[in-house]
Amino acid sequence: MSGLFPAFAALLLLHLTDRPPMLAARLGERFGNILSVLAGLAVAHGLAAFLSALFAGAVQPAMPGAARALLTGIALIVAGVAGLIPMRRLDALDQWRTGGFVTALLGGFSLIWGDRAYFLLFALAVAAPVPWVAAVGGWIGAMGAAFIAMALGERAWDRVPRRWLRPAIAIAALIPGGVLTVRALLP
């Protein structure tokens, strides 16, 4: 179970202040069929989590404990620094005529792949005893944020105080990231 909760908490918190839930809320209202949008996002997040765990499993045997801690620390620092940068405007994908499931799947995957949350999930999966357990935890956290956004709807989601919540979560990632990085570098 080690790796499940850290990945769950990390992806839930990072996504609560990022663009994927905004897209979920917007597409849920646009298409009206919340289940098809949620299914598309589940596949997109699942694919990103699967790839994170797959790559983590490939590099994990070659990384000693200090290198795993260093990677996790760097990923936390990257997540924190990225959280201090203002978000770009979200493309509503209004020009896409593909339906709720396909728009959520392709639009969601293009939005989340390379995201700070999935780099952190990769690092947490490398540090976990079983990378797939961390991937499942991250997937549940990401889907939790998407579900909350869709349940609230776009108007209510836009009122979430991300202006102070995003930097607070960023600082909460920077502090342990710095500590882990320094501890991993010291003998």
C-alpha atoms as a PDB file:
ATOM      1  CA  MET A   1       0.000   0.000   0.000  1.00  0.00           C
ATOM      2  CA  SER A   2       3.014   2.273   0.311  1.00  0.00           C
ATOM      3  CA  GLY A   3       2.745   4.677  -2.586  1.00  0.00           C
ATOM      4  CA  LEU A   4      -1.046   4.558  -2.938  1.00  0.00           C
ATOM      5  CA  PHE A   5      -1.931   7.369  -0.544  1.00  0.00           C
ATOM      6  CA  PRO A   6       0.949   9.742  -1.398  1.00  0.00           C
ATOM      7  CA  ALA A   7       0.066   9.476  -5.090  1.00  0.00           C
ATOM      8  CA  PHE A   8      -3.645   9.903  -4.357  1.00  0.00           C
ATOM      9  CA  ALA A   9      -3.080  12.993  -2.205  1.00  0.00           C
ATOM     10  CA  ALA A  10      -0.540  14.534  -4.573  1.00  0.00           C
ATOM     11  CA  LEU A  11      -2.673  14.234  -7.687  1.00  0.00           C
ATOM     12  CA  LEU A  12      -5.865  15.279  -5.937  1.00  0.00           C
ATOM     13  CA  LEU A  13      -4.269  18.411  -4.500  1.00  0.00           C
ATOM     14  CA  LEU A  14      -2.322  19.359  -7.621  1.00  0.00           C
ATOM     15  CA  HIS A  15      -5.304  18.822  -9.899  1.00  0.00           C
ATOM     16  CA  LEU A  16      -7.647  20.817  -7.673  1.00  0.00           C
ATOM     17  CA  THR A  17      -5.652  23.890  -8.664  1.00  0.00           C
ATOM     18  CA  ASP A  18      -4.938  23.016 -12.284  1.00  0.00           C
ATOM     19  CA  ARG A  19      -6.657  22.939 -15.670  1.00  0.00           C
ATOM     20  CA  PRO A  20      -7.839  19.292 -15.981  1.00  0.00           C
ATOM     21  CA  PRO A  21     -10.782  19.749 -13.569  1.00  0.00           C
ATOM     22  CA  MET A  22     -11.679  23.012 -15.327  1.00  0.00           C
ATOM     23  CA  LEU A  23     -11.912  21.043 -18.544  1.00  0.00           C
ATOM     24  CA  ALA A  24     -14.013  18.391 -16.795  1.00  0.00           C
ATOM     25  CA  ALA A  25     -16.490  20.992 -15.504  1.00  0.00           C
ATOM     26  CA  ARG A  26     -16.668  22.746 -18.863  1.00  0.00           C
ATOM     27  CA  LEU A  27     -17.139  19.578 -20.919  1.00  0.00           C
ATOM     28  CA  GLY A  28     -19.670  18.193 -18.446  1.00  0.00           C
ATOM     29  CA  GLU A  29     -21.871  21.234 -18.915  1.00  0.00           C
ATOM     30  CA  ARG A  30     -21.257  21.500 -22.642  1.00  0.00           C
ATOM     31  CA  PHE A  31     -22.221  17.934 -23.454  1.00  0.00           C
ATOM     32  CA  GLY A  32     -24.717  17.421 -20.647  1.00  0.00           C
ATOM     33  CA  ASN A  33     -23.777  13.735 -20.476  1.00  0.00           C
ATOM     34  CA  ILE A  34     -21.542  13.669 -17.446  1.00  0.00           C
ATOM     35  CA  LEU A  35     -20.960   9.915 -17.633  1.00  0.00           C
ATOM     36  CA  SER A  36     -19.472   9.980 -21.148  1.00  0.00           C
ATOM     37  CA  VAL A  37     -17.188  12.890 -20.243  1.00  0.00           C
ATOM     38  CA  LEU A  38     -16.176  11.204 -16.986  1.00  0.00           C
ATOM     39  CA  ALA A  39     -15.466   7.964 -18.872  1.00  0.00           C
ATOM     40  CA  GLY A  40     -13.279   9.811 -21.402  1.00  0.00           C
ATOM     41  CA  LEU A  41     -11.361  11.512 -18.611  1.00  0.00           C
ATOM     42  CA  ALA A  42     -11.018   8.192 -16.758  1.00  0.00           C
ATOM     43  CA  VAL A  43      -9.381   6.643 -19.800  1.00  0.00           C
ATOM     44  CA  ALA A  44      -7.134   9.706 -20.333  1.00  0.00           C
ATOM     45  CA  HIS A  45      -5.998   9.784 -16.693  1.00  0.00           C
ATOM     46  CA  GLY A  46      -5.695   6.008 -16.667  1.00  0.00           C
ATOM     47  CA  LEU A  47      -3.474   6.059 -19.736  1.00  0.00           C
ATOM     48  CA  ALA A  48      -1.238   8.762 -18.238  1.00  0.00           C
ATOM     49  CA  ALA A  49      -1.028   6.873 -14.923  1.00  0.00           C
ATOM     50  CA  PHE A  50      -0.310   3.608 -16.763  1.00  0.00           C
ATOM     51  CA  LEU A  51       2.519   5.207 -18.754  1.00  0.00           C
ATOM     52  CA  SER A  52       3.939   6.808 -15.601  1.00  0.00           C
ATOM     53  CA  ALA A  53       3.997   3.429 -13.850  1.00  0.00           C
ATOM     54  CA  LEU A  54       5.370   1.668 -16.921  1.00  0.00           C
ATOM     55  CA  PHE A  55       8.297   4.085 -17.212  1.00  0.00           C
ATOM     56  CA  ALA A  56       8.799   4.036 -13.436  1.00  0.00           C
ATOM     57  CA  GLY A  57       8.984   0.254 -13.457  1.00  0.00           C
ATOM     58  CA  ALA A  58      11.576   0.412 -16.232  1.00  0.00           C
ATOM     59  CA  VAL A  59      13.951   2.758 -14.375  1.00  0.00           C
ATOM     60  CA  GLN A  60      13.244   1.679 -10.784  1.00  0.00           C
ATOM     61  CA  PRO A  61      15.638  -1.306 -10.661  1.00  0.00           C
ATOM     62  CA  ALA A  62      18.554   0.859 -11.761  1.00  0.00           C
ATOM     63  CA  MET A  63      17.963   3.576  -9.154  1.00  0.00           C
ATOM     64  CA  PRO A  64      19.286   3.288  -5.605  1.00  0.00           C
ATOM     65  CA  GLY A  65      17.273   4.718  -2.708  1.00  0.00           C
ATOM     66  CA  ALA A  66      19.057   8.079  -2.674  1.00  0.00           C
ATOM     67  CA  ALA A  67      18.417   8.554  -6.388  1.00  0.00           C
ATOM     68  CA  ARG A  68      14.725   7.765  -5.898  1.00  0.00           C
ATOM     69  CA  ALA A  69      14.504  10.308  -3.079  1.00  0.00           C
ATOM     70  CA  LEU A  70      16.327  12.865  -5.221  1.00  0.00           C
ATOM     71  CA  LEU A  71      13.917  12.294  -8.122  1.00  0.00           C
ATOM     72  CA  THR A  72      10.926  12.686  -5.795  1.00  0.00           C
ATOM     73  CA  GLY A  73      12.394  15.863  -4.310  1.00  0.00           C
ATOM     74  CA  ILE A  74      13.041  17.343  -7.746  1.00  0.00           C
ATOM     75  CA  ALA A  75       9.516  16.407  -8.890  1.00  0.00           C
ATOM     76  CA  LEU A  76       8.047  18.126  -5.826  1.00  0.00           C
ATOM     77  CA  ILE A  77      10.142  21.229  -6.537  1.00  0.00           C
ATOM     78  CA  VAL A  78       9.031  21.240 -10.183  1.00  0.00           C
ATOM     79  CA  ALA A  79       5.394  20.860  -9.086  1.00  0.00           C
ATOM     80  CA  GLY A  80       5.826  23.700  -6.615  1.00  0.00           C
ATOM     81  CA  VAL A  81       7.527  26.068  -9.044  1.00  0.00           C
ATOM     82  CA  ALA A  82       4.956  25.303 -11.744  1.00  0.00           C
ATOM     83  CA  GLY A  83       2.223  26.011  -9.212  1.00  0.00           C
ATOM     84  CA  LEU A  84       3.605  29.501  -8.629  1.00  0.00           C
ATOM     85  CA  ILE A  85       3.319  30.318 -12.330  1.00  0.00           C
ATOM     86  CA  PRO A  86      -0.132  31.603 -13.334  1.00  0.00           C
ATOM     87  CA  MET A  87      -2.195  29.146 -15.351  1.00  0.00           C
ATOM     88  CA  ARG A  88      -2.693  29.701 -19.045  1.00  0.00           C
ATOM     89  CA  ARG A  89      -6.201  30.166 -20.319  1.00  0.00           C
ATOM     90  CA  LEU A  90      -8.033  26.898 -20.920  1.00  0.00           C
ATOM     91  CA  ASP A  91      -9.037  26.060 -24.470  1.00  0.00           C
ATOM     92  CA  ALA A  92     -12.690  25.074 -24.224  1.00  0.00           C
ATOM     93  CA  LEU A  93     -12.349  22.748 -27.236  1.00  0.00           C
ATOM     94  CA  ASP A  94     -15.560  24.291 -28.601  1.00  0.00           C
ATOM     95  CA  GLN A  95     -14.456  23.674 -32.186  1.00  0.00           C
ATOM     96  CA  TRP A  96     -14.181  19.917 -31.569  1.00  0.00           C
ATOM     97  CA  ARG A  97     -17.205  18.032 -32.914  1.00  0.00           C
ATOM     98  CA  THR A  98     -16.303  14.626 -31.542  1.00  0.00           C
ATOM     99  CA  GLY A  99     -18.774  14.080 -28.701  1.00  0.00           C
ATOM    100  CA  GLY A 100     -18.261  13.969 -24.955  1.00  0.00           C
ATOM    101  CA  PHE A 101     -16.222  10.788 -24.612  1.00  0.00           C
ATOM    102  CA  VAL A 102     -13.734  11.431 -27.434  1.00  0.00           C
ATOM    103  CA  THR A 103     -13.350  15.143 -26.628  1.00  0.00           C
ATOM    104  CA  ALA A 104     -12.691  14.348 -22.949  1.00  0.00           C
ATOM    105  CA  LEU A 105     -10.309  11.521 -23.834  1.00  0.00           C
ATOM    106  CA  LEU A 106      -8.209  13.339 -26.435  1.00  0.00           C
ATOM    107  CA  GLY A 107      -8.508  16.830 -24.960  1.00  0.00           C
ATOM    108  CA  GLY A 108      -7.893  15.576 -21.452  1.00  0.00           C
ATOM    109  CA  PHE A 109      -4.891  13.469 -22.413  1.00  0.00           C
ATOM    110  CA  SER A 110      -3.301  16.301 -24.400  1.00  0.00           C
ATOM    111  CA  LEU A 111      -3.792  18.568 -21.389  1.00  0.00           C
ATOM    112  CA  ILE A 112      -2.435  16.203 -18.737  1.00  0.00           C
ATOM    113  CA  TRP A 113       0.449  14.479 -20.506  1.00  0.00           C
ATOM    114  CA  GLY A 114       3.609  16.246 -19.404  1.00  0.00           C
ATOM    115  CA  ASP A 115       1.714  17.898 -16.555  1.00  0.00           C
ATOM    116  CA  ARG A 116       3.476  18.568 -13.255  1.00  0.00           C
ATOM    117  CA  ALA A 117       1.184  16.128 -11.489  1.00  0.00           C
ATOM    118  CA  TYR A 118       2.142  13.225 -13.731  1.00  0.00           C
ATOM    119  CA  PHE A 119       5.858  13.953 -13.421  1.00  0.00           C
ATOM    120  CA  LEU A 120       5.346  13.760  -9.664  1.00  0.00           C
ATOM    121  CA  LEU A 121       3.340  10.548 -10.099  1.00  0.00           C
ATOM    122  CA  PHE A 122       6.233   9.085 -12.093  1.00  0.00           C
ATOM    123  CA  ALA A 123       8.650   9.990  -9.276  1.00  0.00           C
ATOM    124  CA  LEU A 124       6.332   8.594  -6.603  1.00  0.00           C
ATOM    125  CA  ALA A 125       5.927   5.389  -8.621  1.00  0.00           C
ATOM    126  CA  VAL A 126       9.715   5.049  -8.868  1.00  0.00           C
ATOM    127  CA  ALA A 127       9.979   5.471  -5.091  1.00  0.00           C
ATOM    128  CA  ALA A 128       7.110   3.074  -4.334  1.00  0.00           C
ATOM    129  CA  PRO A 129       7.758  -0.636  -3.783  1.00  0.00           C
ATOM    130  CA  VAL A 130       5.206  -1.421  -6.521  1.00  0.00           C
ATOM    131  CA  PRO A 131       4.866   1.332  -9.167  1.00  0.00           C
ATOM    132  CA  TRP A 132       1.394   0.163 -10.224  1.00  0.00           C
ATOM    133  CA  VAL A 133       0.010   0.815  -6.740  1.00  0.00           C
ATOM    134  CA  ALA A 134       1.140   4.439  -6.946  1.00  0.00           C
ATOM    135  CA  ALA A 135      -0.408   4.715 -10.417  1.00  0.00           C
ATOM    136  CA  VAL A 136      -3.760   3.514  -9.095  1.00  0.00           C
ATOM    137  CA  GLY A 137      -3.589   6.020  -6.244  1.00  0.00           C
ATOM    138  CA  GLY A 138      -2.736   8.832  -8.645  1.00  0.00           C
ATOM    139  CA  TRP A 139      -5.547   7.846 -10.989  1.00  0.00           C
ATOM    140  CA  ILE A 140      -8.059   7.868  -8.114  1.00  0.00           C
ATOM    141  CA  GLY A 141      -6.827  11.295  -6.979  1.00  0.00           C
ATOM    142  CA  ALA A 142      -7.021  12.789 -10.479  1.00  0.00           C
ATOM    143  CA  MET A 143     -10.481  11.357 -11.025  1.00  0.00           C
ATOM    144  CA  GLY A 144     -11.559  12.648  -7.623  1.00  0.00           C
ATOM    145  CA  ALA A 145     -10.641  16.184  -8.667  1.00  0.00           C
ATOM    146  CA  ALA A 146     -12.442  15.746 -12.005  1.00  0.00           C
ATOM    147  CA  PHE A 147     -15.540  14.378 -10.289  1.00  0.00           C
ATOM    148  CA  ILE A 148     -15.625  17.247  -7.781  1.00  0.00           C
ATOM    149  CA  ALA A 149     -15.338  19.790 -10.606  1.00  0.00           C
ATOM    150  CA  MET A 150     -18.084  18.134 -12.629  1.00  0.00           C
ATOM    151  CA  ALA A 151     -20.359  17.843  -9.594  1.00  0.00           C
ATOM    152  CA  LEU A 152     -19.933  21.542  -8.832  1.00  0.00           C
ATOM    153  CA  GLY A 153     -20.377  22.664 -12.431  1.00  0.00           C
ATOM    154  CA  GLU A 154     -18.414  25.269 -14.330  1.00  0.00           C
ATOM    155  CA  ARG A 155     -19.758  28.373 -12.547  1.00  0.00           C
ATOM    156  CA  ALA A 156     -19.189  27.009  -9.056  1.00  0.00           C
ATOM    157  CA  TRP A 157     -15.796  25.578 -10.051  1.00  0.00           C
ATOM    158  CA  ASP A 158     -14.724  29.000 -11.323  1.00  0.00           C
ATOM    159  CA  ARG A 159     -15.480  30.417  -7.859  1.00  0.00           C
ATOM    160  CA  VAL A 160     -13.018  28.054  -6.148  1.00  0.00           C
ATOM    161  CA  PRO A 161     -10.365  30.393  -4.692  1.00  0.00           C
ATOM    162  CA  ARG A 162      -7.465  29.122  -6.821  1.00  0.00           C
ATOM    163  CA  ARG A 163      -5.729  32.488  -6.568  1.00  0.00           C
ATOM    164  CA  TRP A 164      -4.602  31.664  -3.029  1.00  0.00           C
ATOM    165  CA  LEU A 165      -5.067  27.888  -3.069  1.00  0.00           C
ATOM    166  CA  ARG A 166      -2.663  27.286  -5.984  1.00  0.00           C
ATOM    167  CA  PRO A 167       0.323  29.091  -4.353  1.00  0.00           C
ATOM    168  CA  ALA A 168      -0.440  27.473  -0.982  1.00  0.00           C
ATOM    169  CA  ILE A 169      -0.315  23.984  -2.501  1.00  0.00           C
ATOM    170  CA  ALA A 170       2.796  24.978  -4.470  1.00  0.00           C
ATOM    171  CA  ILE A 171       4.579  26.027  -1.282  1.00  0.00           C
ATOM    172  CA  ALA A 172       3.379  22.821   0.383  1.00  0.00           C
ATOM    173  CA  ALA A 173       5.161  20.930  -2.415  1.00  0.00           C
ATOM    174  CA  LEU A 174       8.305  23.092  -2.407  1.00  0.00           C
ATOM    175  CA  ILE A 175       9.117  22.609   1.276  1.00  0.00           C
ATOM    176  CA  PRO A 176       9.242  18.786   1.365  1.00  0.00           C
ATOM    177  CA  GLY A 177      10.777  18.834  -2.122  1.00  0.00           C
ATOM    178  CA  GLY A 178      13.651  20.948  -0.877  1.00  0.00           C
ATOM    179  CA  VAL A 179      14.113  18.811   2.221  1.00  0.00           C
ATOM    180  CA  LEU A 180      14.085  15.553   0.232  1.00  0.00           C
ATOM    181  CA  THR A 181      16.515  16.945  -2.343  1.00  0.00           C
ATOM    182  CA  VAL A 182      18.990  18.183   0.263  1.00  0.00           C
ATOM    183  CA  ARG A 183      18.766  14.938   2.267  1.00  0.00           C
ATOM    184  CA  ALA A 184      19.303  12.881  -0.888  1.00  0.00           C
ATOM    185  CA  LEU A 185      22.397  14.896  -1.833  1.00  0.00           C
ATOM    186  CA  LEU A 186      24.029  14.767   1.593  1.00  0.00           C
ATOM    187  CA  PRO A 187      25.958  11.616   2.521  1.00  0.00           C
END
